[in-house]
Amino acid sequence: MSRNLIVRYFAGLKEKAGVPSETVETNAVTPSELYAELKSRYDFPLAEDLLKVSVNREYQPFSWRLSDGDEVVFIPPVSGG
C-alpha cells in the first residue's frame, strides 16, 4: 500500500536532497525502509544508526509503523562550537 509522507531534511541531508522538505509517495512501512529508499535516491552519506527519527514530532524507533500523512524527520548528528 502506497503512503504519502511529508519528509523534512536538516543539515547535510537537506543539502543532498536539495530541498528542506518534500511529499514522498512510498511503499515503505517503517522509517528504516524509507531512509534506505531516500539514501539510495539522494546518495545520503550517513548510516541509519547515526540518525534519530521523528514521526509526527515525536522520537520513534526506526521500526515504527508509518501511516499515510505522517511527517517524518531524519535528524543527523549535530556539532557545534
Protein backbone atom coordinates (compact mmCIF):
# COMPACT_ATOMS: atom_id res chain seq x y z
CA MET A 1 0.00 0.00 0.00
CA SER A 2 1.36 3.36 -1.02
CA ARG A 3 1.68 6.16 1.54
CA ASN A 4 2.14 9.89 1.09
CA LEU A 5 4.57 11.16 3.72
CA ILE A 6 5.95 14.60 4.46
CA VAL A 7 9.72 14.32 4.85
CA ARG A 8 11.78 17.15 6.30
CA TYR A 9 15.55 17.39 5.97
CA PHE A 10 18.20 19.17 8.04
CA ALA A 11 21.91 19.94 7.70
CA GLY A 12 23.79 17.70 5.26
CA LEU A 13 20.67 15.73 4.35
CA LYS A 14 18.96 18.94 3.24
CA GLU A 15 21.97 19.84 1.11
CA LYS A 16 22.00 16.41 -0.56
CA ALA A 17 18.23 16.36 -1.16
CA GLY A 18 18.28 19.93 -2.44
CA VAL A 19 15.05 20.81 -0.63
CA PRO A 20 14.11 21.41 3.03
CA SER A 21 11.04 19.16 2.74
CA GLU A 22 9.00 17.19 0.26
CA THR A 23 6.00 14.92 -0.01
CA VAL A 24 7.12 11.41 -0.85
CA GLU A 25 4.90 8.65 -2.21
CA THR A 26 6.36 5.38 -0.97
CA ASN A 27 5.63 1.77 -0.16
CA ALA A 28 7.97 1.97 2.85
CA VAL A 29 6.36 0.63 6.01
CA THR A 30 8.98 1.86 8.50
CA PRO A 31 11.35 4.82 8.79
CA SER A 32 14.18 2.34 8.20
CA GLU A 33 12.74 1.35 4.82
CA LEU A 34 12.03 4.99 3.98
CA TYR A 35 15.57 6.07 4.83
CA ALA A 36 17.03 3.27 2.70
CA GLU A 37 14.89 4.47 -0.23
CA LEU A 38 15.89 8.12 0.25
CA LYS A 39 19.55 7.24 0.85
CA SER A 40 19.60 5.45 -2.49
CA ARG A 41 17.80 8.32 -4.26
CA TYR A 42 19.94 11.16 -2.84
CA ASP A 43 23.17 9.32 -2.01
CA PHE A 44 22.97 10.30 1.66
CA PRO A 45 26.36 9.65 3.28
CA LEU A 46 25.13 8.82 6.79
CA ALA A 47 24.30 5.34 8.01
CA GLU A 48 20.90 4.93 9.67
CA ASP A 49 22.48 4.18 13.07
CA LEU A 50 23.94 7.72 13.13
CA LEU A 51 20.49 9.32 12.87
CA LYS A 52 17.46 9.90 15.04
CA VAL A 53 13.98 9.81 13.55
CA SER A 54 10.92 11.82 14.50
CA VAL A 55 7.44 10.85 13.33
CA ASN A 56 4.76 13.49 13.88
CA ARG A 57 7.11 15.43 16.18
CA GLU A 58 7.91 12.51 18.50
CA TYR A 59 11.09 10.46 18.51
CA GLN A 60 10.38 6.91 17.38
CA PRO A 61 12.41 3.79 16.65
CA PHE A 62 13.33 3.08 13.04
CA SER A 63 10.97 0.09 13.24
CA TRP A 64 7.92 2.36 13.84
CA ARG A 65 4.99 1.63 11.50
CA LEU A 66 4.29 4.61 9.24
CA SER A 67 0.81 5.81 8.30
CA ASP A 68 -0.39 7.85 5.34
CA GLY A 69 0.14 11.57 6.01
CA ASP A 70 2.87 11.16 8.65
CA GLU A 71 5.57 13.80 8.96
CA VAL A 72 8.99 12.14 9.13
CA VAL A 73 12.20 13.95 10.06
CA PHE A 74 15.61 12.30 9.89
CA ILE A 75 17.88 14.12 12.33
CA PRO A 76 21.63 13.94 11.68
CA PRO A 77 24.24 14.35 14.42
CA VAL A 78 24.76 17.97 15.37
CA SER A 79 28.10 19.50 16.19
CA GLY A 80 28.68 22.98 17.46
CA GLY A 81 31.46 25.16 18.54
